[in-house]
Amino acid sequence: MNRITPQRLTFDRFEELIKEIGSKTEANLHIGNGFAVGLNLTSLLRYFSTDTTPIRITDLRIGLVRSGSARVIFNLIPRHLTAGSLVFVGCESIIQMMEHTPDFNFAGVAVTTDLLKVILPGNIPSSLSGHLQSFVIALDDDGRQTLDRLFHLLFDLCSHPSHPKSAAADLVCAILHFYDHVYHNHQRYDVEPKSHEHELFDRFITLVNRNGGTERQLAYYADCMNLSQRYLGTVINKVSDVTAKEWIDRAAIAHIKVMLRHSNLPIKCIADSLNFPNNSFFCKYFKRLTGMTPAQYKRQ
């Protein structure tokens, strides 16, 4: 079967893909109204990571690495995941699986923003409010066991056809609040709080990722952050050893690759949607950074 995935992996499209590949039972996966919970997602991982093409997700996800390790890129930032890692990935994040060990496995939940507003009306935890795009925390044994039990409770409850929907919603809330508690505890006891320069870097990366390749000039981001281009460029290079322009280009190329590989848009329409002055400039930009033309990449 050809692997056909969309530019944006919406919750509805995720459910369709699960039905197509027939891994729902193997993954111990339940898909509810606005949420999903899985206890053994190895088979799905293999399906969605047959290459390193980045995918943008539209829901938030909280997971627990149960075994093995993986190298992943969340919103341009490389992350090394190991057993016991709690992983949070926010809405509109770009995920790129680079490599993983054969025994890599994780459990997790996905929650749509619509459900989040329904089950936590006016009381959405600050760590879920949208300012945080991704986070990885190493849990201690107690935290790991607690989160694993919560995932199992939710799955076991939902396995019964006549399960009370309100109880499932309450368990989803419990998982969200548990994550928020762990996150804030981690921030409170972090012996190395982020410097002002690291905070600026985080803001910069968030802006770059949210613009999805439509803004490719450092001047735009400096204006958004009320900083001079020279100062912002110096800070980004100091914190990351990568120039600000390279971060901007990485985000643009990641977004372009998603659109080329997973949409039916003509190349000219992609160029127009990303504010390139013309198709020729777009093709030269892509080839300079990837070594191939958009058409060559699309045919791969």
C-alpha atoms as a PDB file:
ATOM      1  CA  MET A   1       0.000   0.000   0.000  1.00  0.00           C
ATOM      2  CA  ASN A   2       1.304   3.452  -0.860  1.00  0.00           C
ATOM      3  CA  ARG A   3       1.857   5.671   2.141  1.00  0.00           C
ATOM      4  CA  ILE A   4      -0.464   8.637   1.612  1.00  0.00           C
ATOM      5  CA  THR A   5      -0.655  11.175   4.382  1.00  0.00           C
ATOM      6  CA  PRO A   6      -1.876  14.726   4.404  1.00  0.00           C
ATOM      7  CA  GLN A   7       0.060  17.911   4.801  1.00  0.00           C
ATOM      8  CA  ARG A   8      -1.715  18.416   8.118  1.00  0.00           C
ATOM      9  CA  LEU A   9      -2.384  15.305  10.182  1.00  0.00           C
ATOM     10  CA  THR A  10      -5.759  16.304  11.590  1.00  0.00           C
ATOM     11  CA  PHE A  11      -7.475  14.167  14.192  1.00  0.00           C
ATOM     12  CA  ASP A  12     -10.116  13.048  11.686  1.00  0.00           C
ATOM     13  CA  ARG A  13      -7.490  12.099   9.114  1.00  0.00           C
ATOM     14  CA  PHE A  14      -5.536  10.215  11.785  1.00  0.00           C
ATOM     15  CA  GLU A  15      -8.653   8.149  12.497  1.00  0.00           C
ATOM     16  CA  GLU A  16      -9.078   7.417   8.776  1.00  0.00           C
ATOM     17  CA  LEU A  17      -5.467   6.280   8.465  1.00  0.00           C
ATOM     18  CA  ILE A  18      -5.811   3.946  11.446  1.00  0.00           C
ATOM     19  CA  LYS A  19      -8.741   2.240   9.726  1.00  0.00           C
ATOM     20  CA  GLU A  20      -6.746   1.974   6.492  1.00  0.00           C
ATOM     21  CA  ILE A  21      -3.678   0.312   7.998  1.00  0.00           C
ATOM     22  CA  GLY A  22      -5.675  -1.889  10.363  1.00  0.00           C
ATOM     23  CA  SER A  23      -3.424  -1.433  13.407  1.00  0.00           C
ATOM     24  CA  LYS A  24      -6.065  -0.377  15.885  1.00  0.00           C
ATOM     25  CA  THR A  25      -6.114  -3.657  17.813  1.00  0.00           C
ATOM     26  CA  GLU A  26      -2.381  -4.285  17.620  1.00  0.00           C
ATOM     27  CA  ALA A  27      -1.704  -0.802  19.003  1.00  0.00           C
ATOM     28  CA  ASN A  28      -4.208  -1.188  21.855  1.00  0.00           C
ATOM     29  CA  LEU A  29      -5.718   1.997  20.507  1.00  0.00           C
ATOM     30  CA  HIS A  30      -9.078   3.555  21.285  1.00  0.00           C
ATOM     31  CA  ILE A  31     -10.327   6.582  19.386  1.00  0.00           C
ATOM     32  CA  GLY A  32     -13.080   8.500  21.133  1.00  0.00           C
ATOM     33  CA  ASN A  33     -14.910  11.734  20.483  1.00  0.00           C
ATOM     34  CA  GLY A  34     -12.074  14.239  20.337  1.00  0.00           C
ATOM     35  CA  PHE A  35      -9.410  12.067  21.938  1.00  0.00           C
ATOM     36  CA  ALA A  36      -7.404   8.898  21.387  1.00  0.00           C
ATOM     37  CA  VAL A  37      -5.425   6.705  23.758  1.00  0.00           C
ATOM     38  CA  GLY A  38      -2.895   4.029  22.811  1.00  0.00           C
ATOM     39  CA  LEU A  39      -0.807   1.665  24.924  1.00  0.00           C
ATOM     40  CA  ASN A  40       1.498   0.148  22.303  1.00  0.00           C
ATOM     41  CA  LEU A  41       2.141   2.500  19.427  1.00  0.00           C
ATOM     42  CA  THR A  42       5.166   0.838  17.846  1.00  0.00           C
ATOM     43  CA  SER A  43       3.343  -0.282  14.689  1.00  0.00           C
ATOM     44  CA  LEU A  44       1.883   3.180  14.150  1.00  0.00           C
ATOM     45  CA  LEU A  45       5.292   4.723  14.690  1.00  0.00           C
ATOM     46  CA  ARG A  46       6.766   2.564  11.955  1.00  0.00           C
ATOM     47  CA  TYR A  47       3.977   3.510   9.576  1.00  0.00           C
ATOM     48  CA  PHE A  48       4.207   7.245  10.166  1.00  0.00           C
ATOM     49  CA  SER A  49       8.017   7.350  10.072  1.00  0.00           C
ATOM     50  CA  THR A  50       8.933   5.414   6.934  1.00  0.00           C
ATOM     51  CA  ASP A  51      10.948   8.482   5.942  1.00  0.00           C
ATOM     52  CA  THR A  52      12.068  11.615   7.758  1.00  0.00           C
ATOM     53  CA  THR A  53       9.502  13.911   6.154  1.00  0.00           C
ATOM     54  CA  PRO A  54       8.088  16.256   8.818  1.00  0.00           C
ATOM     55  CA  ILE A  55       4.379  16.142   9.610  1.00  0.00           C
ATOM     56  CA  ARG A  56       2.300  18.898  11.183  1.00  0.00           C
ATOM     57  CA  ILE A  57      -0.252  17.771  13.791  1.00  0.00           C
ATOM     58  CA  THR A  58      -3.303  19.784  14.792  1.00  0.00           C
ATOM     59  CA  ASP A  59      -4.029  18.296  18.222  1.00  0.00           C
ATOM     60  CA  LEU A  60      -1.971  18.141  21.417  1.00  0.00           C
ATOM     61  CA  ARG A  61      -0.303  14.933  22.519  1.00  0.00           C
ATOM     62  CA  ILE A  62       1.082  13.668  25.797  1.00  0.00           C
ATOM     63  CA  GLY A  63       3.091  10.462  25.761  1.00  0.00           C
ATOM     64  CA  LEU A  64       5.322   8.229  27.830  1.00  0.00           C
ATOM     65  CA  VAL A  65       8.322   6.444  26.355  1.00  0.00           C
ATOM     66  CA  ARG A  66       7.983   2.913  27.699  1.00  0.00           C
ATOM     67  CA  SER A  67      11.139   1.407  26.242  1.00  0.00           C
ATOM     68  CA  GLY A  68      13.985   2.083  23.836  1.00  0.00           C
ATOM     69  CA  SER A  69      15.114   5.466  22.579  1.00  0.00           C
ATOM     70  CA  ALA A  70      14.598   7.766  19.614  1.00  0.00           C
ATOM     71  CA  ARG A  71      15.956  10.904  18.012  1.00  0.00           C
ATOM     72  CA  VAL A  72      13.117  13.255  17.100  1.00  0.00           C
ATOM     73  CA  ILE A  73      12.814  16.857  15.958  1.00  0.00           C
ATOM     74  CA  PHE A  74       9.949  18.826  17.511  1.00  0.00           C
ATOM     75  CA  ASN A  75       9.435  22.287  16.009  1.00  0.00           C
ATOM     76  CA  LEU A  76      13.027  22.429  14.714  1.00  0.00           C
ATOM     77  CA  ILE A  77      14.507  21.428  18.102  1.00  0.00           C
ATOM     78  CA  PRO A  78      16.285  18.022  18.254  1.00  0.00           C
ATOM     79  CA  ARG A  79      15.168  15.840  21.167  1.00  0.00           C
ATOM     80  CA  HIS A  80      16.583  12.571  22.465  1.00  0.00           C
ATOM     81  CA  LEU A  81      13.828  10.429  23.961  1.00  0.00           C
ATOM     82  CA  THR A  82      14.632   7.622  26.380  1.00  0.00           C
ATOM     83  CA  ALA A  83      12.593   5.233  28.526  1.00  0.00           C
ATOM     84  CA  GLY A  84      10.702   7.176  31.184  1.00  0.00           C
ATOM     85  CA  SER A  85      10.475  10.400  29.190  1.00  0.00           C
ATOM     86  CA  LEU A  86       7.215  12.309  29.397  1.00  0.00           C
ATOM     87  CA  VAL A  87       6.652  13.986  26.046  1.00  0.00           C
ATOM     88  CA  PHE A  88       4.343  16.904  25.353  1.00  0.00           C
ATOM     89  CA  VAL A  89       3.714  18.154  21.815  1.00  0.00           C
ATOM     90  CA  GLY A  90       1.327  21.075  21.370  1.00  0.00           C
ATOM     91  CA  CYS A  91      -1.120  21.920  18.613  1.00  0.00           C
ATOM     92  CA  GLU A  92       0.270  22.942  15.211  1.00  0.00           C
ATOM     93  CA  SER A  93       3.618  21.313  15.958  1.00  0.00           C
ATOM     94  CA  ILE A  94       5.893  19.858  13.320  1.00  0.00           C
ATOM     95  CA  ILE A  95       7.231  16.400  14.163  1.00  0.00           C
ATOM     96  CA  GLN A  96      10.109  14.730  12.365  1.00  0.00           C
ATOM     97  CA  MET A  97      11.176  11.219  13.390  1.00  0.00           C
ATOM     98  CA  MET A  98      14.866  10.806  12.550  1.00  0.00           C
ATOM     99  CA  GLU A  99      15.682   7.385  14.006  1.00  0.00           C
ATOM    100  CA  HIS A 100      14.654   4.997  16.754  1.00  0.00           C
ATOM    101  CA  THR A 101      15.826   1.745  18.307  1.00  0.00           C
ATOM    102  CA  PRO A 102      13.954  -1.470  17.417  1.00  0.00           C
ATOM    103  CA  ASP A 103      12.446  -1.650  20.899  1.00  0.00           C
ATOM    104  CA  PHE A 104      11.226   1.945  20.969  1.00  0.00           C
ATOM    105  CA  ASN A 105       7.636   2.092  22.205  1.00  0.00           C
ATOM    106  CA  PHE A 106       5.377   4.561  23.895  1.00  0.00           C
ATOM    107  CA  ALA A 107       1.878   5.086  25.230  1.00  0.00           C
ATOM    108  CA  GLY A 108      -0.013   8.318  24.922  1.00  0.00           C
ATOM    109  CA  VAL A 109      -3.117  10.385  24.381  1.00  0.00           C
ATOM    110  CA  ALA A 110      -4.100  12.859  21.703  1.00  0.00           C
ATOM    111  CA  VAL A 111      -6.660  15.555  22.537  1.00  0.00           C
ATOM    112  CA  THR A 112      -8.264  18.017  20.142  1.00  0.00           C
ATOM    113  CA  THR A 113      -8.494  21.693  21.040  1.00  0.00           C
ATOM    114  CA  ASP A 114     -12.288  21.493  20.778  1.00  0.00           C
ATOM    115  CA  LEU A 115     -12.446  18.783  23.434  1.00  0.00           C
ATOM    116  CA  LEU A 116      -9.942  20.659  25.591  1.00  0.00           C
ATOM    117  CA  LYS A 117     -12.290  23.652  25.720  1.00  0.00           C
ATOM    118  CA  VAL A 118     -15.259  21.441  26.585  1.00  0.00           C
ATOM    119  CA  ILE A 119     -13.726  19.398  29.400  1.00  0.00           C
ATOM    120  CA  LEU A 120     -11.746  22.308  30.905  1.00  0.00           C
ATOM    121  CA  PRO A 121     -14.015  25.312  30.324  1.00  0.00           C
ATOM    122  CA  GLY A 122     -12.267  28.468  31.508  1.00  0.00           C
ATOM    123  CA  ASN A 123      -9.739  26.341  33.400  1.00  0.00           C
ATOM    124  CA  ILE A 124      -7.150  25.278  30.835  1.00  0.00           C
ATOM    125  CA  PRO A 125      -3.767  24.800  32.571  1.00  0.00           C
ATOM    126  CA  SER A 126      -1.169  27.364  31.577  1.00  0.00           C
ATOM    127  CA  SER A 127       1.126  24.694  30.110  1.00  0.00           C
ATOM    128  CA  LEU A 128      -1.665  23.742  27.675  1.00  0.00           C
ATOM    129  CA  SER A 129      -2.731  27.255  26.731  1.00  0.00           C
ATOM    130  CA  GLY A 130      -0.663  27.372  23.545  1.00  0.00           C
ATOM    131  CA  HIS A 131       2.526  29.193  24.553  1.00  0.00           C
ATOM    132  CA  LEU A 132       4.403  25.915  24.995  1.00  0.00           C
ATOM    133  CA  GLN A 133       4.940  23.900  21.821  1.00  0.00           C
ATOM    134  CA  SER A 134       6.919  20.908  23.021  1.00  0.00           C
ATOM    135  CA  PHE A 135       8.567  19.633  26.164  1.00  0.00           C
ATOM    136  CA  VAL A 136      10.398  16.499  27.331  1.00  0.00           C
ATOM    137  CA  ILE A 137      10.734  15.632  31.033  1.00  0.00           C
ATOM    138  CA  ALA A 138      12.503  12.632  32.571  1.00  0.00           C
ATOM    139  CA  LEU A 139      10.052  11.117  35.065  1.00  0.00           C
ATOM    140  CA  ASP A 140      11.074   9.337  38.245  1.00  0.00           C
ATOM    141  CA  ASP A 141       9.749   5.815  38.853  1.00  0.00           C
ATOM    142  CA  ASP A 142       6.659   7.035  40.733  1.00  0.00           C
ATOM    143  CA  GLY A 143       5.752   9.516  38.030  1.00  0.00           C
ATOM    144  CA  ARG A 144       6.305   6.970  35.304  1.00  0.00           C
ATOM    145  CA  GLN A 145       4.083   4.390  37.010  1.00  0.00           C
ATOM    146  CA  THR A 146       1.353   6.942  37.722  1.00  0.00           C
ATOM    147  CA  LEU A 147       1.163   8.130  34.122  1.00  0.00           C
ATOM    148  CA  ASP A 148       1.230   4.572  32.814  1.00  0.00           C
ATOM    149  CA  ARG A 149      -1.646   3.622  35.139  1.00  0.00           C
ATOM    150  CA  LEU A 150      -3.675   6.632  33.967  1.00  0.00           C
ATOM    151  CA  PHE A 151      -3.224   5.587  30.331  1.00  0.00           C
ATOM    152  CA  HIS A 152      -4.275   2.017  31.170  1.00  0.00           C
ATOM    153  CA  LEU A 153      -7.306   3.173  33.158  1.00  0.00           C
ATOM    154  CA  LEU A 154      -8.488   5.316  30.268  1.00  0.00           C
ATOM    155  CA  PHE A 155      -7.965   2.540  27.735  1.00  0.00           C
ATOM    156  CA  ASP A 156      -9.619  -0.124  29.923  1.00  0.00           C
ATOM    157  CA  LEU A 157     -12.619   2.118  30.556  1.00  0.00           C
ATOM    158  CA  CYS A 158     -13.044   2.923  26.875  1.00  0.00           C
ATOM    159  CA  SER A 159     -12.752  -0.754  25.920  1.00  0.00           C
ATOM    160  CA  HIS A 160     -16.287  -1.292  27.230  1.00  0.00           C
ATOM    161  CA  PRO A 161     -18.856  -0.291  24.577  1.00  0.00           C
ATOM    162  CA  SER A 162     -21.224   1.216  27.155  1.00  0.00           C
ATOM    163  CA  HIS A 163     -18.584   3.094  29.155  1.00  0.00           C
ATOM    164  CA  PRO A 164     -19.726   6.421  30.672  1.00  0.00           C
ATOM    165  CA  LYS A 165     -18.456   9.249  28.465  1.00  0.00           C
ATOM    166  CA  SER A 166     -18.177  11.587  31.451  1.00  0.00           C
ATOM    167  CA  ALA A 167     -15.798   9.192  33.215  1.00  0.00           C
ATOM    168  CA  ALA A 168     -13.573   9.041  30.104  1.00  0.00           C
ATOM    169  CA  ALA A 169     -13.526  12.842  29.972  1.00  0.00           C
ATOM    170  CA  ASP A 170     -12.568  12.955  33.649  1.00  0.00           C
ATOM    171  CA  LEU A 171      -9.649  10.598  33.064  1.00  0.00           C
ATOM    172  CA  VAL A 172      -8.453  12.696  30.119  1.00  0.00           C
ATOM    173  CA  CYS A 173      -8.594  15.700  32.457  1.00  0.00           C
ATOM    174  CA  ALA A 174      -6.597  13.777  35.061  1.00  0.00           C
ATOM    175  CA  ILE A 175      -3.858  13.063  32.519  1.00  0.00           C
ATOM    176  CA  LEU A 176      -3.748  16.703  31.439  1.00  0.00           C
ATOM    177  CA  HIS A 177      -3.562  17.951  35.030  1.00  0.00           C
ATOM    178  CA  PHE A 178      -0.895  15.370  35.878  1.00  0.00           C
ATOM    179  CA  TYR A 179       1.240  16.631  33.008  1.00  0.00           C
ATOM    180  CA  ASP A 180       0.686  20.246  34.081  1.00  0.00           C
ATOM    181  CA  HIS A 181       1.715  19.355  37.651  1.00  0.00           C
ATOM    182  CA  VAL A 182       4.897  17.607  36.489  1.00  0.00           C
ATOM    183  CA  TYR A 183       5.740  20.471  34.145  1.00  0.00           C
ATOM    184  CA  HIS A 184       5.420  23.163  36.815  1.00  0.00           C
ATOM    185  CA  ASN A 185       7.333  21.093  39.368  1.00  0.00           C
ATOM    186  CA  HIS A 186      10.097  20.660  36.845  1.00  0.00           C
ATOM    187  CA  GLN A 187      10.194  24.405  36.208  1.00  0.00           C
ATOM    188  CA  ARG A 188      10.187  25.177  39.929  1.00  0.00           C
ATOM    189  CA  TYR A 189      13.061  22.877  40.835  1.00  0.00           C
ATOM    190  CA  ASP A 190      15.135  23.339  37.745  1.00  0.00           C
ATOM    191  CA  VAL A 191      18.538  24.287  39.138  1.00  0.00           C
ATOM    192  CA  GLU A 192      19.432  26.049  35.913  1.00  0.00           C
ATOM    193  CA  PRO A 193      16.607  28.438  35.060  1.00  0.00           C
ATOM    194  CA  LYS A 194      16.573  29.742  31.524  1.00  0.00           C
ATOM    195  CA  SER A 195      18.569  32.877  30.894  1.00  0.00           C
ATOM    196  CA  HIS A 196      17.063  35.877  29.156  1.00  0.00           C
ATOM    197  CA  GLU A 197      18.934  34.878  26.000  1.00  0.00           C
ATOM    198  CA  HIS A 198      17.457  31.359  26.073  1.00  0.00           C
ATOM    199  CA  GLU A 199      13.984  32.823  26.548  1.00  0.00           C
ATOM    200  CA  LEU A 200      14.549  35.024  23.485  1.00  0.00           C
ATOM    201  CA  PHE A 201      15.668  31.960  21.541  1.00  0.00           C
ATOM    202  CA  ASP A 202      12.496  30.066  22.521  1.00  0.00           C
ATOM    203  CA  ARG A 203      10.323  33.009  21.468  1.00  0.00           C
ATOM    204  CA  PHE A 204      12.181  33.247  18.168  1.00  0.00           C
ATOM    205  CA  ILE A 205      11.796  29.532  17.386  1.00  0.00           C
ATOM    206  CA  THR A 206       8.094  29.665  18.267  1.00  0.00           C
ATOM    207  CA  LEU A 207       7.538  32.593  15.908  1.00  0.00           C
ATOM    208  CA  VAL A 208       9.540  30.958  13.127  1.00  0.00           C
ATOM    209  CA  ASN A 209       7.604  27.717  13.428  1.00  0.00           C
ATOM    210  CA  ARG A 210       4.196  29.389  13.593  1.00  0.00           C
ATOM    211  CA  ASN A 211       4.853  31.325  10.395  1.00  0.00           C
ATOM    212  CA  GLY A 212       5.379  28.064   8.527  1.00  0.00           C
ATOM    213  CA  GLY A 213       7.848  29.414   5.986  1.00  0.00           C
ATOM    214  CA  THR A 214       5.832  32.454   4.933  1.00  0.00           C
ATOM    215  CA  GLU A 215       8.244  34.932   6.576  1.00  0.00           C
ATOM    216  CA  ARG A 216      11.894  34.336   5.747  1.00  0.00           C
ATOM    217  CA  GLN A 217      13.580  37.602   6.699  1.00  0.00           C
ATOM    218  CA  LEU A 218      15.260  38.203  10.054  1.00  0.00           C
ATOM    219  CA  ALA A 219      13.920  41.767  10.026  1.00  0.00           C
ATOM    220  CA  TYR A 220      10.362  40.466  10.398  1.00  0.00           C
ATOM    221  CA  TYR A 221      11.166  38.501  13.562  1.00  0.00           C
ATOM    222  CA  ALA A 222      13.273  41.290  15.029  1.00  0.00           C
ATOM    223  CA  ASP A 223      10.321  43.674  14.591  1.00  0.00           C
ATOM    224  CA  CYS A 224       7.930  41.188  16.195  1.00  0.00           C
ATOM    225  CA  MET A 225      10.237  40.899  19.204  1.00  0.00           C
ATOM    226  CA  ASN A 226      11.061  44.623  19.379  1.00  0.00           C
ATOM    227  CA  LEU A 227      14.763  43.918  18.920  1.00  0.00           C
ATOM    228  CA  SER A 228      17.390  44.986  16.431  1.00  0.00           C
ATOM    229  CA  GLN A 229      18.336  42.467  13.755  1.00  0.00           C
ATOM    230  CA  ARG A 230      21.954  42.544  14.869  1.00  0.00           C
ATOM    231  CA  TYR A 231      21.145  41.830  18.514  1.00  0.00           C
ATOM    232  CA  LEU A 232      18.651  39.071  17.717  1.00  0.00           C
ATOM    233  CA  GLY A 233      21.062  37.423  15.291  1.00  0.00           C
ATOM    234  CA  THR A 234      23.877  37.558  17.855  1.00  0.00           C
ATOM    235  CA  VAL A 235      21.696  36.004  20.585  1.00  0.00           C
ATOM    236  CA  ILE A 236      20.415  33.170  18.375  1.00  0.00           C
ATOM    237  CA  ASN A 237      23.911  32.289  17.196  1.00  0.00           C
ATOM    238  CA  LYS A 238      25.297  32.412  20.742  1.00  0.00           C
ATOM    239  CA  VAL A 239      22.587  30.174  22.225  1.00  0.00           C
ATOM    240  CA  SER A 240      22.366  27.592  19.461  1.00  0.00           C
ATOM    241  CA  ASP A 241      25.599  27.818  17.425  1.00  0.00           C
ATOM    242  CA  VAL A 242      23.303  28.162  14.418  1.00  0.00           C
ATOM    243  CA  THR A 243      22.534  31.432  12.671  1.00  0.00           C
ATOM    244  CA  ALA A 244      19.048  32.907  12.840  1.00  0.00           C
ATOM    245  CA  LYS A 245      18.816  32.762   9.048  1.00  0.00           C
ATOM    246  CA  GLU A 246      19.561  29.039   9.086  1.00  0.00           C
ATOM    247  CA  TRP A 247      16.771  28.429  11.626  1.00  0.00           C
ATOM    248  CA  ILE A 248      14.386  30.385   9.395  1.00  0.00           C
ATOM    249  CA  ASP A 249      15.441  28.408   6.326  1.00  0.00           C
ATOM    250  CA  ARG A 250      15.124  25.090   8.193  1.00  0.00           C
ATOM    251  CA  ALA A 251      11.534  25.906   9.112  1.00  0.00           C
ATOM    252  CA  ALA A 252      10.710  26.989   5.576  1.00  0.00           C
ATOM    253  CA  ILE A 253      12.207  23.862   4.011  1.00  0.00           C
ATOM    254  CA  ALA A 254      10.447  21.590   6.521  1.00  0.00           C
ATOM    255  CA  HIS A 255       7.108  23.213   5.689  1.00  0.00           C
ATOM    256  CA  ILE A 256       7.762  23.105   1.935  1.00  0.00           C
ATOM    257  CA  LYS A 257       8.649  19.398   2.098  1.00  0.00           C
ATOM    258  CA  VAL A 258       5.372  18.635   3.853  1.00  0.00           C
ATOM    259  CA  MET A 259       3.409  20.506   1.204  1.00  0.00           C
ATOM    260  CA  LEU A 260       5.309  18.911  -1.692  1.00  0.00           C
ATOM    261  CA  ARG A 261       5.038  15.368  -0.366  1.00  0.00           C
ATOM    262  CA  HIS A 262       1.601  15.415   1.207  1.00  0.00           C
ATOM    263  CA  SER A 263      -0.610  17.765  -0.752  1.00  0.00           C
ATOM    264  CA  ASN A 264      -1.941  17.880  -4.288  1.00  0.00           C
ATOM    265  CA  LEU A 265      -1.086  21.553  -4.746  1.00  0.00           C
ATOM    266  CA  PRO A 266       0.917  22.457  -7.889  1.00  0.00           C
ATOM    267  CA  ILE A 267       4.399  23.764  -7.180  1.00  0.00           C
ATOM    268  CA  LYS A 268       3.409  27.253  -8.331  1.00  0.00           C
ATOM    269  CA  CYS A 269       0.526  27.330  -5.824  1.00  0.00           C
ATOM    270  CA  ILE A 270       2.869  26.284  -3.025  1.00  0.00           C
ATOM    271  CA  ALA A 271       5.255  29.072  -3.978  1.00  0.00           C
ATOM    272  CA  ASP A 272       2.410  31.591  -3.976  1.00  0.00           C
ATOM    273  CA  SER A 273       1.046  30.413  -0.622  1.00  0.00           C
ATOM    274  CA  LEU A 274       4.460  30.891   0.987  1.00  0.00           C
ATOM    275  CA  ASN A 275       4.895  34.424  -0.373  1.00  0.00           C
ATOM    276  CA  PHE A 276       7.697  33.703  -2.827  1.00  0.00           C
ATOM    277  CA  PRO A 277       7.913  36.426  -5.507  1.00  0.00           C
ATOM    278  CA  ASN A 278       7.713  33.872  -8.319  1.00  0.00           C
ATOM    279  CA  ASN A 279       8.023  30.179  -9.100  1.00  0.00           C
ATOM    280  CA  SER A 280      11.600  30.491 -10.374  1.00  0.00           C
ATOM    281  CA  PHE A 281      12.799  32.078  -7.129  1.00  0.00           C
ATOM    282  CA  PHE A 282      11.011  29.368  -5.136  1.00  0.00           C
ATOM    283  CA  CYS A 283      12.677  26.552  -7.104  1.00  0.00           C
ATOM    284  CA  LYS A 284      16.137  28.117  -6.782  1.00  0.00           C
ATOM    285  CA  TYR A 285      15.645  28.630  -3.039  1.00  0.00           C
ATOM    286  CA  PHE A 286      14.631  25.006  -2.505  1.00  0.00           C
ATOM    287  CA  LYS A 287      17.426  23.591  -4.666  1.00  0.00           C
ATOM    288  CA  ARG A 288      20.076  25.747  -2.967  1.00  0.00           C
ATOM    289  CA  LEU A 289      19.120  24.336   0.438  1.00  0.00           C
ATOM    290  CA  THR A 290      18.305  20.730  -0.476  1.00  0.00           C
ATOM    291  CA  GLY A 291      20.323  19.970  -3.590  1.00  0.00           C
ATOM    292  CA  MET A 292      17.264  19.085  -5.648  1.00  0.00           C
ATOM    293  CA  THR A 293      14.385  20.865  -7.319  1.00  0.00           C
ATOM    294  CA  PRO A 294      10.858  20.824  -5.827  1.00  0.00           C
ATOM    295  CA  ALA A 295       9.727  18.610  -8.698  1.00  0.00           C
ATOM    296  CA  GLN A 296      12.515  16.103  -8.020  1.00  0.00           C
ATOM    297  CA  TYR A 297      11.656  15.969  -4.337  1.00  0.00           C
ATOM    298  CA  LYS A 298       7.943  15.560  -5.071  1.00  0.00           C
ATOM    299  CA  ARG A 299       8.677  12.562  -7.328  1.00  0.00           C
ATOM    300  CA  GLN A 300      10.765  10.727  -4.702  1.00  0.00           C
END
